[in-house]
Amino acid sequence: MASSEEDGTNGASEASDEKEAAGKRRRLGLLATAWLTFYNIAMTAGWLVLAIAMVRFYMEKGTHRGLYKSIQKTLKFFQTFALLEVVHCLIGIVPTSVLVTGVQVSSRIFMVWLITHSIKPIQFFYHLISRWSCWGTSHNIRRLALRKEVRNVLSTASQQVQCFF
């Protein structure tokens, strides 16, 4: 009979511990829900601002040239802000794999921060070619003009490098 008394006592103690743990989870759950709600509203607003800026740019300019330059700071900010998604997984407020989320977020940040910087010179020369194509000149003249422009750019760049050394 003594064991049944102990079971009753332990059962009451366990029940109060469970209630206390449930209360802590509920408070953490409410805080986590409030934070995630704020985070998602902020991210949605940011991407909406970017979408409006892109549409406005295209309506004003009539072309996509120069679009990235006009939105790059906002794009980089909100794409980098997505690192918080990995933090959410790390601290456990989102039940998702940290590895999967980390790969997704890091690939997008890699595209925005590293790849776009390496494409800028290519975009510059594409702009030169498209500008010359509207002149109605022959292919050989455009090619020679492009070579001259590339030579001038490389010459200027090499002179700038020599100034540092």
Protein backbone atom coordinates (compact mmCIF):
# COMPACT_ATOMS: atom_id res chain seq x y z
CA MET A 1 0.00 0.00 0.00
CA ALA A 2 2.92 2.31 0.56
CA SER A 3 3.82 2.11 -3.10
CA SER A 4 0.36 3.28 -4.12
CA GLU A 5 0.69 6.30 -1.85
CA GLU A 6 4.03 7.11 -3.43
CA ASP A 7 2.49 6.75 -6.90
CA GLY A 8 -0.23 9.21 -5.95
CA THR A 9 2.29 11.69 -4.64
CA ASN A 10 4.57 11.31 -7.64
CA GLY A 11 1.60 11.61 -9.98
CA ALA A 12 0.58 14.93 -8.43
CA SER A 13 4.15 16.18 -8.58
CA GLU A 14 4.54 15.12 -12.20
CA ALA A 15 1.24 16.75 -13.08
CA SER A 16 2.36 20.10 -11.64
CA ASP A 17 5.71 19.80 -13.45
CA GLU A 18 3.89 19.11 -16.71
CA LYS A 19 1.61 22.11 -16.16
CA GLU A 20 4.63 24.32 -15.47
CA ALA A 21 6.44 23.03 -18.58
CA ALA A 22 3.31 23.52 -20.67
CA GLY A 23 3.03 27.09 -19.38
CA LYS A 24 6.64 27.80 -20.36
CA ARG A 25 6.09 26.28 -23.80
CA ARG A 26 2.92 28.30 -24.23
CA ARG A 27 4.73 31.54 -23.35
CA LEU A 28 7.62 30.63 -25.63
CA GLY A 29 5.09 29.59 -28.27
CA LEU A 30 3.29 32.92 -28.04
CA LEU A 31 6.55 34.84 -28.20
CA ALA A 32 7.78 32.71 -31.12
CA THR A 33 4.46 33.12 -32.93
CA ALA A 34 4.54 36.90 -32.42
CA TRP A 35 8.15 37.09 -33.68
CA LEU A 36 7.48 34.89 -36.71
CA THR A 37 4.39 36.95 -37.53
CA PHE A 38 6.43 40.16 -37.39
CA TYR A 39 9.27 38.57 -39.40
CA ASN A 40 6.94 37.33 -42.14
CA ILE A 41 5.12 40.66 -42.37
CA ALA A 42 8.45 42.50 -42.62
CA MET A 43 9.77 40.15 -45.30
CA THR A 44 6.53 40.35 -47.28
CA ALA A 45 6.61 44.13 -47.10
CA GLY A 46 10.24 44.16 -48.23
CA TRP A 47 9.62 41.94 -51.24
CA LEU A 48 6.54 44.01 -52.08
CA VAL A 49 8.67 47.18 -52.01
CA LEU A 50 11.14 45.48 -54.37
CA ALA A 51 8.36 44.39 -56.74
CA ILE A 52 6.89 47.90 -56.84
CA ALA A 53 10.35 49.41 -57.43
CA MET A 54 10.94 47.02 -60.33
CA VAL A 55 7.60 47.78 -61.95
CA ARG A 56 8.07 51.52 -61.43
CA PHE A 57 11.58 51.39 -62.93
CA TYR A 58 10.36 49.54 -66.00
CA MET A 59 7.40 51.89 -66.46
CA GLU A 60 9.64 54.98 -66.22
CA LYS A 61 12.62 53.74 -68.26
CA GLY A 62 10.95 51.25 -70.58
CA THR A 63 13.90 48.86 -70.24
CA HIS A 64 15.51 46.52 -67.75
CA ARG A 65 18.95 48.09 -68.13
CA GLY A 66 20.03 49.69 -64.88
CA LEU A 67 17.36 47.91 -62.84
CA TYR A 68 19.77 45.94 -60.68
CA LYS A 69 21.77 49.05 -59.87
CA SER A 70 18.63 50.79 -58.65
CA ILE A 71 17.40 47.94 -56.41
CA GLN A 72 20.63 46.21 -55.36
CA LYS A 73 20.81 47.63 -51.81
CA THR A 74 17.24 46.68 -50.95
CA LEU A 75 17.61 43.27 -52.57
CA LYS A 76 20.82 42.52 -50.69
CA PHE A 77 19.32 43.67 -47.39
CA PHE A 78 16.23 41.48 -47.57
CA GLN A 79 18.07 38.50 -48.99
CA THR A 80 20.65 38.74 -46.18
CA PHE A 81 17.88 39.26 -43.61
CA ALA A 82 16.75 35.74 -44.58
CA LEU A 83 19.67 34.40 -42.53
CA LEU A 84 17.27 34.67 -39.61
CA GLU A 85 15.47 31.66 -41.08
CA VAL A 86 18.53 29.57 -40.21
CA VAL A 87 18.56 31.07 -36.71
CA HIS A 88 14.88 30.15 -36.33
CA CYS A 89 15.77 26.54 -37.09
CA LEU A 90 18.79 26.59 -34.78
CA ILE A 91 16.84 27.77 -31.74
CA GLY A 92 13.94 25.47 -32.52
CA ILE A 93 11.04 27.82 -33.16
CA VAL A 94 10.65 26.37 -36.65
CA PRO A 95 10.72 22.57 -36.87
CA THR A 96 12.80 22.38 -40.04
CA SER A 97 16.26 21.02 -40.78
CA VAL A 98 19.00 23.56 -40.19
CA LEU A 99 21.06 22.00 -42.99
CA VAL A 100 18.31 22.24 -45.62
CA THR A 101 17.38 25.79 -44.65
CA GLY A 102 21.06 26.79 -44.52
CA VAL A 103 21.69 25.48 -48.03
CA GLN A 104 18.64 27.29 -49.42
CA VAL A 105 19.44 30.61 -47.79
CA SER A 106 23.17 30.47 -48.48
CA SER A 107 22.62 29.70 -52.16
CA ARG A 108 20.41 32.76 -52.56
CA ILE A 109 22.89 34.95 -50.70
CA PHE A 110 25.71 33.54 -52.84
CA MET A 111 23.78 34.47 -55.99
CA VAL A 112 23.05 38.00 -54.82
CA TRP A 113 26.37 38.89 -53.20
CA LEU A 114 28.93 37.02 -55.33
CA ILE A 115 27.54 36.14 -58.76
CA THR A 116 26.00 39.51 -59.54
CA HIS A 117 29.30 41.26 -58.87
CA SER A 118 31.10 39.06 -61.37
CA ILE A 119 28.46 39.73 -64.06
CA LYS A 120 28.72 43.53 -63.95
CA PRO A 121 31.57 43.71 -66.53
CA ILE A 122 29.65 41.37 -68.81
CA GLN A 123 26.58 43.58 -68.52
CA PHE A 124 28.74 46.59 -69.37
CA PHE A 125 30.00 45.06 -72.63
CA TYR A 126 26.53 43.78 -73.51
CA HIS A 127 25.27 47.33 -73.16
CA LEU A 128 28.03 48.57 -75.50
CA ILE A 129 27.21 45.94 -78.13
CA SER A 130 23.49 46.65 -78.00
CA ARG A 131 24.15 50.38 -78.21
CA TRP A 132 26.28 49.94 -81.34
CA SER A 133 23.81 47.59 -82.98
CA CYS A 134 21.26 50.38 -83.25
CA TRP A 135 23.65 52.48 -85.35
CA GLY A 136 23.05 50.30 -88.38
CA THR A 137 26.76 49.66 -88.92
CA SER A 138 28.14 46.48 -90.36
CA HIS A 139 29.23 43.58 -88.18
CA ASN A 140 32.96 44.17 -88.78
CA ILE A 141 32.81 47.83 -87.80
CA ARG A 142 30.92 46.96 -84.61
CA ARG A 143 33.48 44.26 -83.81
CA LEU A 144 36.38 46.67 -84.39
CA ALA A 145 34.70 49.34 -82.28
CA LEU A 146 34.15 46.83 -79.49
CA ARG A 147 37.81 45.77 -79.64
CA LYS A 148 38.86 49.41 -79.40
CA GLU A 149 36.54 49.98 -76.43
CA VAL A 150 37.84 46.86 -74.67
CA ARG A 151 41.43 47.95 -75.35
CA ASN A 152 40.68 51.39 -73.87
CA VAL A 153 39.08 49.89 -70.77
CA LEU A 154 41.96 47.45 -70.23
CA SER A 155 44.54 50.16 -70.84
CA THR A 156 42.89 52.46 -68.32
CA ALA A 157 42.61 49.62 -65.80
CA SER A 158 46.28 48.68 -66.20
CA GLN A 159 47.33 52.31 -65.72
CA GLN A 160 45.27 52.46 -62.52
CA VAL A 161 46.89 49.26 -61.25
CA GLN A 162 50.37 50.61 -62.01
CA CYS A 163 49.60 53.67 -59.88
CA PHE A 164 49.15 51.43 -56.83
CA PHE A 165 52.54 49.76 -57.29
